[in-house]
């Protein structure tokens, strides 16, 4: 009798896990996101974090040689230059650390640690990173002023 009760429990648990998944044919387009800009559809950093776009460079060397996508992707992975897309709601709010003045703003070019942040790709294979507000090393005017190592 206890074996039958165990089997029923297992079957019920398995069935509810299976029911949690949506079949591929039931996926539909969400028209509410069509009115949103690309930046609005990007993830919003939470807390004290920033969403940044790593700089990929010009795509060609100073001598005029075109670089492959693989090369630019590799440089983007280890770049120290990024463009600030969004600030989290608590970014630069810690008075003990920042004295009330943010280290950067949306739209700034910044320097970050080579492998800083959590990386993820968007639909078009563009990589973005979410980094902590205190991982900004400095701001710059022109991203091409910094040469890759």
C-alpha atoms as a PDB file:
ATOM      1  CA  UNK A   1       0.000   0.000   0.000  1.00  0.00           C
ATOM      2  CA  UNK A   2       2.830   2.426   0.786  1.00  0.00           C
ATOM      3  CA  UNK A   3       4.386   1.722  -2.622  1.00  0.00           C
ATOM      4  CA  UNK A   4       1.181   2.848  -4.320  1.00  0.00           C
ATOM      5  CA  UNK A   5       1.115   6.091  -2.291  1.00  0.00           C
ATOM      6  CA  UNK A   6       4.750   6.815  -3.194  1.00  0.00           C
ATOM      7  CA  UNK A   7       4.059   6.222  -6.895  1.00  0.00           C
ATOM      8  CA  UNK A   8       1.050   8.548  -6.822  1.00  0.00           C
ATOM      9  CA  UNK A   9       3.061  11.310  -5.148  1.00  0.00           C
ATOM     10  CA  UNK A  10       5.877  10.947  -7.680  1.00  0.00           C
ATOM     11  CA  UNK A  11       3.444  11.014 -10.597  1.00  0.00           C
ATOM     12  CA  UNK A  12       1.677  14.102  -9.247  1.00  0.00           C
ATOM     13  CA  UNK A  13       4.982  15.947  -8.732  1.00  0.00           C
ATOM     14  CA  UNK A  14       6.208  15.003 -12.212  1.00  0.00           C
ATOM     15  CA  UNK A  15       2.934  16.048 -13.811  1.00  0.00           C
ATOM     16  CA  UNK A  16       2.972  19.466 -12.170  1.00  0.00           C
ATOM     17  CA  UNK A  17       6.592  20.075 -13.292  1.00  0.00           C
ATOM     18  CA  UNK A  18       5.677  19.128 -16.838  1.00  0.00           C
ATOM     19  CA  UNK A  19       2.672  21.442 -16.736  1.00  0.00           C
ATOM     20  CA  UNK A  20       4.943  24.343 -15.773  1.00  0.00           C
ATOM     21  CA  UNK A  21       6.501  24.474 -19.256  1.00  0.00           C
ATOM     22  CA  UNK A  22       4.805  26.307 -22.128  1.00  0.00           C
ATOM     23  CA  UNK A  23       4.740  24.400 -25.415  1.00  0.00           C
ATOM     24  CA  UNK A  24       6.681  26.101 -28.236  1.00  0.00           C
ATOM     25  CA  UNK A  25       3.528  26.453 -30.388  1.00  0.00           C
ATOM     26  CA  UNK A  26       1.820  28.485 -27.624  1.00  0.00           C
ATOM     27  CA  UNK A  27       4.453  31.233 -27.615  1.00  0.00           C
ATOM     28  CA  UNK A  28       3.059  34.441 -29.043  1.00  0.00           C
ATOM     29  CA  UNK A  29       4.417  37.870 -29.823  1.00  0.00           C
ATOM     30  CA  UNK A  30       3.907  40.372 -27.009  1.00  0.00           C
ATOM     31  CA  UNK A  31       2.712  43.515 -28.828  1.00  0.00           C
ATOM     32  CA  UNK A  32       3.272  45.695 -25.747  1.00  0.00           C
ATOM     33  CA  UNK A  33       7.050  45.601 -26.306  1.00  0.00           C
ATOM     34  CA  UNK A  34       6.795  46.773 -29.908  1.00  0.00           C
ATOM     35  CA  UNK A  35       6.264  50.361 -28.773  1.00  0.00           C
ATOM     36  CA  UNK A  36       9.424  50.260 -26.649  1.00  0.00           C
ATOM     37  CA  UNK A  37      12.807  51.490 -27.832  1.00  0.00           C
ATOM     38  CA  UNK A  38      15.816  49.184 -27.826  1.00  0.00           C
ATOM     39  CA  UNK A  39      17.189  50.803 -24.686  1.00  0.00           C
ATOM     40  CA  UNK A  40      13.818  50.401 -22.898  1.00  0.00           C
ATOM     41  CA  UNK A  41      13.798  46.675 -23.742  1.00  0.00           C
ATOM     42  CA  UNK A  42      17.269  46.145 -22.267  1.00  0.00           C
ATOM     43  CA  UNK A  43      17.503  44.825 -18.720  1.00  0.00           C
ATOM     44  CA  UNK A  44      17.199  47.357 -15.924  1.00  0.00           C
ATOM     45  CA  UNK A  45      20.066  47.091 -13.449  1.00  0.00           C
ATOM     46  CA  UNK A  46      18.881  46.623  -9.892  1.00  0.00           C
ATOM     47  CA  UNK A  47      20.208  48.287  -6.781  1.00  0.00           C
ATOM     48  CA  UNK A  48      23.631  49.873  -7.107  1.00  0.00           C
ATOM     49  CA  UNK A  49      24.440  48.367 -10.518  1.00  0.00           C
ATOM     50  CA  UNK A  50      24.989  49.862 -13.991  1.00  0.00           C
ATOM     51  CA  UNK A  51      24.214  48.475 -17.440  1.00  0.00           C
ATOM     52  CA  UNK A  52      27.131  49.129 -19.812  1.00  0.00           C
ATOM     53  CA  UNK A  53      27.885  48.321 -23.443  1.00  0.00           C
ATOM     54  CA  UNK A  54      31.512  47.267 -24.018  1.00  0.00           C
ATOM     55  CA  UNK A  55      33.276  49.156 -26.802  1.00  0.00           C
ATOM     56  CA  UNK A  56      34.045  46.986 -29.846  1.00  0.00           C
ATOM     57  CA  UNK A  57      36.287  49.440 -31.614  1.00  0.00           C
ATOM     58  CA  UNK A  58      36.252  50.676 -35.173  1.00  0.00           C
ATOM     59  CA  UNK A  59      36.468  47.253 -36.791  1.00  0.00           C
ATOM     60  CA  UNK A  60      39.715  48.066 -38.596  1.00  0.00           C
ATOM     61  CA  UNK A  61      43.289  48.786 -37.649  1.00  0.00           C
ATOM     62  CA  UNK A  62      45.075  52.141 -38.007  1.00  0.00           C
ATOM     63  CA  UNK A  63      46.668  50.702 -41.149  1.00  0.00           C
ATOM     64  CA  UNK A  64      43.210  50.054 -42.652  1.00  0.00           C
ATOM     65  CA  UNK A  65      43.026  46.269 -42.222  1.00  0.00           C
ATOM     66  CA  UNK A  66      39.452  45.102 -41.577  1.00  0.00           C
ATOM     67  CA  UNK A  67      39.089  42.940 -38.482  1.00  0.00           C
ATOM     68  CA  UNK A  68      36.955  39.799 -38.403  1.00  0.00           C
ATOM     69  CA  UNK A  69      33.906  39.512 -36.149  1.00  0.00           C
ATOM     70  CA  UNK A  70      35.791  36.931 -34.095  1.00  0.00           C
ATOM     71  CA  UNK A  71      38.609  39.407 -33.449  1.00  0.00           C
ATOM     72  CA  UNK A  72      36.301  42.274 -32.492  1.00  0.00           C
ATOM     73  CA  UNK A  73      34.276  39.959 -30.236  1.00  0.00           C
ATOM     74  CA  UNK A  74      37.447  38.815 -28.472  1.00  0.00           C
ATOM     75  CA  UNK A  75      38.557  42.428 -27.968  1.00  0.00           C
ATOM     76  CA  UNK A  76      35.097  43.354 -26.685  1.00  0.00           C
ATOM     77  CA  UNK A  77      35.334  40.572 -24.088  1.00  0.00           C
ATOM     78  CA  UNK A  78      38.538  41.960 -22.601  1.00  0.00           C
ATOM     79  CA  UNK A  79      37.960  45.663 -23.205  1.00  0.00           C
ATOM     80  CA  UNK A  80      38.277  48.210 -20.428  1.00  0.00           C
ATOM     81  CA  UNK A  81      36.084  50.791 -22.206  1.00  0.00           C
ATOM     82  CA  UNK A  82      32.286  50.812 -21.988  1.00  0.00           C
ATOM     83  CA  UNK A  83      29.316  53.093 -22.619  1.00  0.00           C
ATOM     84  CA  UNK A  84      26.913  53.619 -19.701  1.00  0.00           C
ATOM     85  CA  UNK A  85      23.382  52.738 -20.795  1.00  0.00           C
ATOM     86  CA  UNK A  86      21.435  52.693 -17.503  1.00  0.00           C
ATOM     87  CA  UNK A  87      21.984  53.308 -13.800  1.00  0.00           C
ATOM     88  CA  UNK A  88      20.233  51.275 -11.110  1.00  0.00           C
ATOM     89  CA  UNK A  89      17.978  53.128  -8.647  1.00  0.00           C
ATOM     90  CA  UNK A  90      20.553  52.977  -5.829  1.00  0.00           C
ATOM     91  CA  UNK A  91      23.664  53.691  -7.912  1.00  0.00           C
ATOM     92  CA  UNK A  92      25.923  56.245  -6.209  1.00  0.00           C
ATOM     93  CA  UNK A  93      23.489  56.726  -3.304  1.00  0.00           C
ATOM     94  CA  UNK A  94      25.897  55.423  -0.640  1.00  0.00           C
ATOM     95  CA  UNK A  95      27.088  58.675   0.969  1.00  0.00           C
ATOM     96  CA  UNK A  96      29.939  56.946   2.818  1.00  0.00           C
ATOM     97  CA  UNK A  97      31.443  55.754  -0.445  1.00  0.00           C
ATOM     98  CA  UNK A  98      30.595  58.426  -3.013  1.00  0.00           C
ATOM     99  CA  UNK A  99      30.090  61.634  -0.962  1.00  0.00           C
ATOM    100  CA  UNK A 100      26.908  62.409  -2.889  1.00  0.00           C
ATOM    101  CA  UNK A 101      28.601  62.695  -6.282  1.00  0.00           C
ATOM    102  CA  UNK A 102      28.218  59.986  -8.951  1.00  0.00           C
ATOM    103  CA  UNK A 103      31.355  58.755 -10.679  1.00  0.00           C
ATOM    104  CA  UNK A 104      29.534  58.649 -14.046  1.00  0.00           C
ATOM    105  CA  UNK A 105      26.160  59.224 -15.682  1.00  0.00           C
ATOM    106  CA  UNK A 106      24.123  57.616 -18.445  1.00  0.00           C
ATOM    107  CA  UNK A 107      25.783  58.411 -21.765  1.00  0.00           C
ATOM    108  CA  UNK A 108      29.356  58.539 -20.400  1.00  0.00           C
ATOM    109  CA  UNK A 109      32.297  56.535 -21.715  1.00  0.00           C
ATOM    110  CA  UNK A 110      33.967  54.846 -18.767  1.00  0.00           C
ATOM    111  CA  UNK A 111      36.917  52.653 -17.893  1.00  0.00           C
ATOM    112  CA  UNK A 112      36.169  49.422 -16.022  1.00  0.00           C
ATOM    113  CA  UNK A 113      38.168  46.400 -14.953  1.00  0.00           C
ATOM    114  CA  UNK A 114      39.112  44.106 -17.831  1.00  0.00           C
ATOM    115  CA  UNK A 115      36.773  41.293 -16.787  1.00  0.00           C
ATOM    116  CA  UNK A 116      34.367  43.266 -14.574  1.00  0.00           C
ATOM    117  CA  UNK A 117      30.681  42.526 -14.370  1.00  0.00           C
ATOM    118  CA  UNK A 118      28.217  39.883 -15.422  1.00  0.00           C
ATOM    119  CA  UNK A 119      28.152  39.457 -19.206  1.00  0.00           C
ATOM    120  CA  UNK A 120      25.255  38.410 -21.372  1.00  0.00           C
ATOM    121  CA  UNK A 121      24.240  38.620 -25.009  1.00  0.00           C
ATOM    122  CA  UNK A 122      21.151  40.211 -26.477  1.00  0.00           C
ATOM    123  CA  UNK A 123      19.219  39.084 -29.563  1.00  0.00           C
ATOM    124  CA  UNK A 124      21.679  40.585 -32.057  1.00  0.00           C
ATOM    125  CA  UNK A 125      24.680  38.974 -30.254  1.00  0.00           C
ATOM    126  CA  UNK A 126      25.663  42.335 -28.756  1.00  0.00           C
ATOM    127  CA  UNK A 127      27.209  41.822 -25.347  1.00  0.00           C
ATOM    128  CA  UNK A 128      26.224  43.982 -22.412  1.00  0.00           C
ATOM    129  CA  UNK A 129      27.484  43.892 -18.855  1.00  0.00           C
ATOM    130  CA  UNK A 130      25.990  44.703 -15.500  1.00  0.00           C
ATOM    131  CA  UNK A 131      28.640  46.054 -13.147  1.00  0.00           C
ATOM    132  CA  UNK A 132      28.681  47.495  -9.633  1.00  0.00           C
ATOM    133  CA  UNK A 133      28.761  51.275  -9.345  1.00  0.00           C
ATOM    134  CA  UNK A 134      32.172  51.197  -7.631  1.00  0.00           C
ATOM    135  CA  UNK A 135      33.795  49.289 -10.515  1.00  0.00           C
ATOM    136  CA  UNK A 136      34.121  52.483 -12.575  1.00  0.00           C
ATOM    137  CA  UNK A 137      37.812  53.369 -12.785  1.00  0.00           C
ATOM    138  CA  UNK A 138      37.391  56.640 -14.670  1.00  0.00           C
ATOM    139  CA  UNK A 139      35.572  58.488 -17.435  1.00  0.00           C
ATOM    140  CA  UNK A 140      36.934  59.400 -20.877  1.00  0.00           C
ATOM    141  CA  UNK A 141      35.792  61.562 -23.767  1.00  0.00           C
ATOM    142  CA  UNK A 142      36.772  59.357 -26.709  1.00  0.00           C
ATOM    143  CA  UNK A 143      36.860  55.546 -26.477  1.00  0.00           C
ATOM    144  CA  UNK A 144      39.456  55.368 -29.257  1.00  0.00           C
ATOM    145  CA  UNK A 145      41.943  57.152 -26.980  1.00  0.00           C
ATOM    146  CA  UNK A 146      42.373  53.892 -25.064  1.00  0.00           C
ATOM    147  CA  UNK A 147      44.346  51.231 -26.933  1.00  0.00           C
ATOM    148  CA  UNK A 148      43.684  47.540 -26.300  1.00  0.00           C
ATOM    149  CA  UNK A 149      46.478  45.590 -24.638  1.00  0.00           C
END
